[in-house]
Amino acid sequence: MATRTTARSSTDRRRATQDTDSKAVVDKLLADSGQTYADEAGIRLRDKPASLYQLLVLAVLASAPIRSATAVDAAHELTESKMGTPRAMRQASRRDRIQALGRAHYVRYDESTATALGRGADLLLDRYGGDLRRLLDAADHQPERVAELLREFPRLGPVGADVFCREAQQVWPDLQPYFDDKTLAGAKRVGLPADADRLAALVEPEDYARLAAALVRADLEHRRSRRSKS
C-alpha cells in the first residue's frame, strides 16, 4: 500500500510540474505572440454582422497560398476602402476590389479573389441576409457544421474555415475550444500537449483564440526556419 501511495504521489508531482511548465510556456506565448489575426487586421471582433463579415473576408484571403501577413494587410485595406460589409462589397466594382488588394500587395491572386469576394457577398446576403449569425443557427451551433457551411463560400477552403472558427470562438462560445491541426502542430513545436482539451485547460476561454493564434505562429515560424536551412 505504501509503495502504491508513493508511486501515485510521484506521478501527481510530475503532472503538477508539467502543468506548471506548460502554463509558463502559454503565458510567454500569449505575451509575445497572442494577438489574434482579426485584431492584427484591425477588426474589432464582436458578435455583430459587420465584424463577423470582416473576419469572413480575412478567412477567404487566408485561404490562398500566401503569407498570413499579406492576407491580414489585404483584409485591413478592404475595410479601409469602405468594403467592410457584404452590401458594400457587392456594390463595389471588381476593379475597386482588385485595386484595394493591390495596395496591400495581394497581387498574385487579386483578380480571382476579387471575383470570389463579390460572389461571397452575394451568397451571404441572399442566403443569410448578410448576417453570419444565421449561418451559426443553420449549423445548429455545431462546429463541424459551421466549418462545412463556411466552405460553401467561394475560395474559402478548409484552411480558411479553420481561420474563421479559430478566431470566431472568441465571440461564438459554441465553437470552443477550437484548436485545429495547425494549432496542435504548433503546440507540439513548443512542447505543449497536442490535444485540444488539454490545451483548453491551460487558459481561460476568453484566451482560446489568442492561444490558437500564437500556436499557429509558432508552427509557421518553425516551417520558415526549416525552409531557410534547406
Protein backbone atom coordinates (compact mmCIF):
# COMPACT_ATOMS: atom_id res chain seq x y z
CA MET A 1 0.00 0.00 0.00
CA ALA A 2 2.81 2.39 0.91
CA THR A 3 4.53 1.66 -2.40
CA ARG A 4 1.37 2.42 -4.36
CA THR A 5 0.81 5.63 -2.43
CA THR A 6 4.40 6.72 -3.06
CA ALA A 7 4.13 5.91 -6.77
CA ARG A 8 0.87 7.83 -7.03
CA SER A 9 2.35 10.82 -5.22
CA SER A 10 5.34 10.80 -7.54
CA THR A 11 3.06 10.72 -10.59
CA ASP A 12 0.98 13.58 -9.20
CA ARG A 13 4.11 15.65 -8.61
CA ARG A 14 5.29 15.06 -12.17
CA ARG A 15 1.93 16.09 -13.54
CA ALA A 16 1.88 19.20 -11.37
CA THR A 17 5.37 20.11 -12.60
CA GLN A 18 4.34 19.53 -16.22
CA ASP A 19 1.23 21.68 -15.75
CA THR A 20 3.33 24.46 -14.21
CA ASP A 21 5.84 24.28 -17.06
CA SER A 22 3.07 24.27 -19.68
CA LYS A 23 1.37 27.29 -18.14
CA ALA A 24 4.69 29.16 -18.16
CA VAL A 25 5.07 28.39 -21.87
CA VAL A 26 1.49 29.53 -22.52
CA ASP A 27 1.99 32.77 -20.60
CA LYS A 28 5.05 33.58 -22.70
CA LEU A 29 3.25 32.69 -25.94
CA LEU A 30 0.33 34.95 -25.09
CA ALA A 31 2.64 37.79 -24.11
CA ASP A 32 4.87 37.51 -27.18
CA SER A 33 2.51 36.47 -29.98
CA GLY A 34 -1.00 36.22 -28.61
CA GLN A 35 -2.55 38.87 -30.84
CA THR A 36 -5.40 37.40 -32.85
CA TYR A 37 -5.24 37.73 -36.62
CA ALA A 38 -8.51 39.65 -36.55
CA ASP A 39 -7.04 42.16 -34.14
CA GLU A 40 -3.93 42.44 -36.31
CA ALA A 41 -6.18 43.24 -39.28
CA GLY A 42 -7.90 45.99 -37.31
CA ILE A 43 -11.13 44.02 -36.89
CA ARG A 44 -12.85 44.78 -33.59
CA LEU A 45 -14.43 41.38 -33.37
CA ARG A 46 -17.91 41.36 -31.93
CA ASP A 47 -20.92 39.10 -32.36
CA LYS A 48 -22.24 41.59 -34.92
CA PRO A 49 -22.81 41.26 -38.67
CA ALA A 50 -20.17 43.74 -39.84
CA SER A 51 -17.21 42.47 -37.81
CA LEU A 52 -18.12 38.82 -38.48
CA TYR A 53 -18.18 39.62 -42.18
CA GLN A 54 -14.78 41.27 -41.98
CA LEU A 55 -13.48 38.09 -40.34
CA LEU A 56 -15.02 36.07 -43.17
CA VAL A 57 -13.15 38.22 -45.69
CA LEU A 58 -9.91 37.64 -43.80
CA ALA A 59 -10.59 33.89 -43.88
CA VAL A 60 -11.15 33.99 -47.65
CA LEU A 61 -7.92 35.91 -48.15
CA ALA A 62 -6.01 33.50 -45.92
CA SER A 63 -7.28 30.53 -47.93
CA ALA A 64 -4.86 31.33 -50.76
CA PRO A 65 -1.28 30.02 -50.53
CA ILE A 66 0.04 33.41 -49.49
CA ARG A 67 1.79 34.88 -46.43
CA SER A 68 -0.55 35.43 -43.50
CA ALA A 69 0.75 38.99 -43.09
CA THR A 70 -0.30 39.78 -46.66
CA ALA A 71 -3.79 38.39 -46.04
CA VAL A 72 -4.05 40.48 -42.88
CA ASP A 73 -2.95 43.63 -44.71
CA ALA A 74 -5.41 42.97 -47.52
CA ALA A 75 -8.31 42.48 -45.11
CA HIS A 76 -7.46 45.77 -43.42
CA GLU A 77 -7.19 47.58 -46.75
CA LEU A 78 -10.58 46.32 -47.95
CA THR A 79 -12.24 47.58 -44.77
CA GLU A 80 -10.43 50.91 -45.01
CA SER A 81 -11.63 51.15 -48.62
CA LYS A 82 -15.25 51.03 -47.43
CA MET A 83 -15.82 47.37 -48.26
CA GLY A 84 -16.36 46.19 -44.70
CA THR A 85 -19.93 44.94 -45.13
CA PRO A 86 -21.35 42.44 -47.61
CA ARG A 87 -23.59 45.06 -49.17
CA ALA A 88 -20.66 47.45 -49.66
CA MET A 89 -18.56 44.62 -51.09
CA ARG A 90 -21.29 43.73 -53.57
CA GLN A 91 -21.77 47.34 -54.59
CA ALA A 92 -18.04 47.90 -55.13
CA SER A 93 -16.79 47.23 -58.63
CA ARG A 94 -14.48 44.33 -59.32
CA ARG A 95 -11.85 46.90 -60.25
CA ASP A 96 -12.25 48.59 -56.85
CA ARG A 97 -11.61 45.27 -55.14
CA ILE A 98 -8.58 44.50 -57.30
CA GLN A 99 -7.07 47.91 -56.61
CA ALA A 100 -7.58 47.55 -52.85
CA LEU A 101 -5.92 44.13 -52.90
CA GLY A 102 -3.07 45.55 -54.95
CA ARG A 103 -2.43 48.31 -52.43
CA ALA A 104 -1.92 45.57 -49.85
CA HIS A 105 0.42 43.71 -52.24
CA TYR A 106 -2.07 40.86 -52.50
CA VAL A 107 -1.31 40.63 -56.21
CA ARG A 108 -0.81 37.01 -57.21
CA TYR A 109 -4.44 36.08 -56.62
CA ASP A 110 -6.00 39.53 -56.80
CA GLU A 111 -8.33 39.06 -59.77
CA SER A 112 -9.74 35.67 -58.80
CA THR A 113 -10.09 36.75 -55.18
CA ALA A 114 -11.87 39.97 -56.19
CA THR A 115 -14.40 37.89 -58.08
CA ALA A 116 -14.78 35.45 -55.18
CA LEU A 117 -15.38 38.26 -52.69
CA GLY A 118 -18.18 39.64 -54.86
CA ARG A 119 -19.81 36.24 -55.18
CA GLY A 120 -19.35 35.56 -51.48
CA ALA A 121 -21.10 38.82 -50.60
CA ASP A 122 -23.98 37.78 -52.86
CA LEU A 123 -24.23 34.40 -51.13
CA LEU A 124 -24.15 35.92 -47.66
CA LEU A 125 -26.83 38.48 -48.49
CA ASP A 126 -29.09 36.11 -50.38
CA ARG A 127 -28.87 33.10 -48.06
CA TYR A 128 -28.28 34.65 -44.63
CA GLY A 129 -29.48 38.22 -45.02
CA GLY A 130 -25.94 39.46 -44.62
CA ASP A 131 -25.69 38.07 -41.07
CA LEU A 132 -23.32 35.20 -40.31
CA ARG A 133 -25.11 34.57 -37.04
CA ARG A 134 -27.82 33.00 -39.18
CA LEU A 135 -25.19 30.61 -40.53
CA LEU A 136 -24.41 29.64 -36.93
CA ASP A 137 -28.11 28.96 -36.38
CA ALA A 138 -28.34 27.00 -39.63
CA ALA A 139 -25.45 24.86 -38.39
CA ASP A 140 -27.29 24.17 -35.11
CA HIS A 141 -24.29 25.73 -33.37
CA GLN A 142 -22.18 22.66 -34.21
CA PRO A 143 -18.51 23.48 -35.02
CA GLU A 144 -18.16 20.82 -37.74
CA ARG A 145 -21.31 22.03 -39.48
CA VAL A 146 -20.24 25.67 -39.17
CA ALA A 147 -16.99 24.83 -40.96
CA GLU A 148 -18.90 22.90 -43.60
CA LEU A 149 -21.23 25.82 -44.35
CA LEU A 150 -18.34 28.25 -44.43
CA ARG A 151 -16.68 26.17 -47.14
CA GLU A 152 -19.63 26.94 -49.40
CA PHE A 153 -18.32 30.49 -49.80
CA PRO A 154 -16.21 30.93 -52.96
CA ARG A 155 -12.47 30.47 -52.42
CA LEU A 156 -12.92 29.58 -48.75
CA GLY A 157 -11.42 26.14 -48.24
CA PRO A 158 -10.63 24.09 -45.14
CA VAL A 159 -7.75 26.41 -44.20
CA GLY A 160 -10.00 29.46 -44.34
CA ALA A 161 -12.77 27.74 -42.41
CA ASP A 162 -10.29 26.92 -39.66
CA VAL A 163 -9.06 30.53 -39.63
CA PHE A 164 -12.62 31.77 -39.19
CA CYS A 165 -13.51 29.27 -36.46
CA ARG A 166 -10.27 29.77 -34.51
CA GLU A 167 -10.92 33.49 -34.36
CA ALA A 168 -14.72 33.42 -34.06
CA GLN A 169 -14.60 31.23 -30.96
CA GLN A 170 -13.82 34.48 -29.16
CA VAL A 171 -17.43 35.58 -29.71
CA TRP A 172 -19.11 32.26 -30.52
CA PRO A 173 -18.65 30.10 -27.39
CA ASP A 174 -20.32 27.15 -29.12
CA LEU A 175 -17.12 26.72 -31.14
CA GLN A 176 -14.91 26.44 -28.06
CA PRO A 177 -12.38 25.07 -27.77
CA TYR A 178 -11.37 25.29 -31.42
CA PHE A 179 -7.80 24.07 -31.80
CA ASP A 180 -7.32 22.68 -35.30
CA ASP A 181 -4.43 20.72 -36.80
CA LYS A 182 -2.26 23.83 -37.23
CA THR A 183 -2.65 24.84 -33.61
CA LEU A 184 -1.93 21.31 -32.42
CA ALA A 185 1.17 21.20 -34.62
CA GLY A 186 2.28 24.49 -33.08
CA ALA A 187 1.65 23.13 -29.61
CA LYS A 188 3.90 20.18 -30.34
CA ARG A 189 6.64 22.52 -31.58
CA VAL A 190 6.75 24.40 -28.28
CA GLY A 191 6.39 21.39 -26.01
CA LEU A 192 2.71 21.74 -25.16
CA PRO A 193 0.21 18.89 -25.32
CA ALA A 194 -1.09 18.36 -28.85
CA ASP A 195 -4.58 17.80 -27.53
CA ALA A 196 -7.44 20.31 -27.71
CA ASP A 197 -8.91 19.56 -24.28
CA ARG A 198 -5.55 19.67 -22.53
CA LEU A 199 -4.70 22.97 -24.21
CA ALA A 200 -8.06 24.38 -23.21
CA ALA A 201 -7.31 23.54 -19.59
CA LEU A 202 -4.25 25.82 -19.66
CA VAL A 203 -6.11 29.09 -20.32
CA GLU A 204 -9.42 30.77 -19.68
CA PRO A 205 -11.99 30.50 -22.51
CA GLU A 206 -11.56 34.18 -23.40
CA ASP A 207 -7.95 33.39 -24.32
CA TYR A 208 -8.61 30.39 -26.56
CA ALA A 209 -8.47 32.47 -29.75
CA ARG A 210 -5.28 34.21 -28.63
CA LEU A 211 -3.60 30.93 -27.78
CA ALA A 212 -4.68 29.44 -31.11
CA ALA A 213 -3.18 32.39 -32.98
CA ALA A 214 0.07 32.15 -31.03
CA LEU A 215 0.36 28.41 -31.74
CA VAL A 216 -0.27 28.91 -35.45
CA ARG A 217 2.52 31.50 -35.49
CA ALA A 218 4.80 29.02 -33.71
CA ASP A 219 4.11 26.41 -36.38
CA LEU A 220 4.63 28.90 -39.22
CA GLU A 221 7.91 30.10 -37.70
CA HIS A 222 9.13 26.52 -37.43
CA ARG A 223 8.27 25.87 -41.08
CA ARG A 224 10.02 29.07 -42.21
CA SER A 225 13.08 28.13 -40.21
CA ARG A 226 13.22 24.70 -41.82
CA ARG A 227 12.90 26.19 -45.32
CA SER A 228 15.67 28.69 -44.68
CA LYS A 229 18.03 25.90 -43.61
CA SER A 230 17.26 23.66 -46.58
